[in-house]
Amino acid sequence: INFGIQNVPQLANQTTKQPIILSNRLHKSLYRIDKIIQAFAVLVKHDLIGTEYRLVIAGGGEESVNLQQLVQELGINSQVVFTGMLDYTELVKFYQQAQIFVSVPESDGTSSSLLEALAYGCVPVLSNLPANLEWVLDQINGFIAPEVGQLAEQLLSAITLTQNSAQYQKLIGFNHQMILDKASFAVNLRKFTELY
């Protein structure tokens, strides 16, 4: 049982969101942050997104310097922000602001960052892993990249969805209710005690 989120936030309103794509996984090769940067660069270079969009890369790790160099080589410095490691309060602010959450590790279980992103109204764009498919159905309540080479297409699909306010708010509501039903600390503690 994943114990889930201790304090589920109130339902997000898409009108308070900003054109931010958030990545907050560790800077290790497993998490393929470089692929996220490259996919974002494709959208920028082909003018598929406006200059108002930001890729916010939170966290840190052994690959941080290489990732920063990659951003420079791709010429997208003005639209990529490295925040370093954030405390939870600062991270929550980015969940509240971000329209999109992207996480494409090679392998993973259910991550707390995914549950938090769903709770705070971010559209998830994820790698095709069993644990992710337990929470997100492609093009229903988020987007699954069949392979990491198709990540740019999935990011663009997520961005397009956020531009339809009714569709975006519907997704926010669906994911928020799912977290309340399946991924809150209170609900999962009750499930645990019932099994015990």
Foldseek 3Di string as FASTA:
>chain_A
DALFAADQDDQAALVQAFQEEEEEDEQDVQFPVVLVLVLVLVCVVVVVDDLRHAYEYEEYDDCVVVSVVSCVVSPNVSRYHYDYHDDPVVVLVCLLHYQAYETEGPDDAQDNVVLSSLSNQHAYEYEPYPRVVVQDDDPPLHHYDPDSVCSSVRVSVSVVQSVPNVSSSVSSVVSNVCCVCPGHSVNVVVVVVVVD
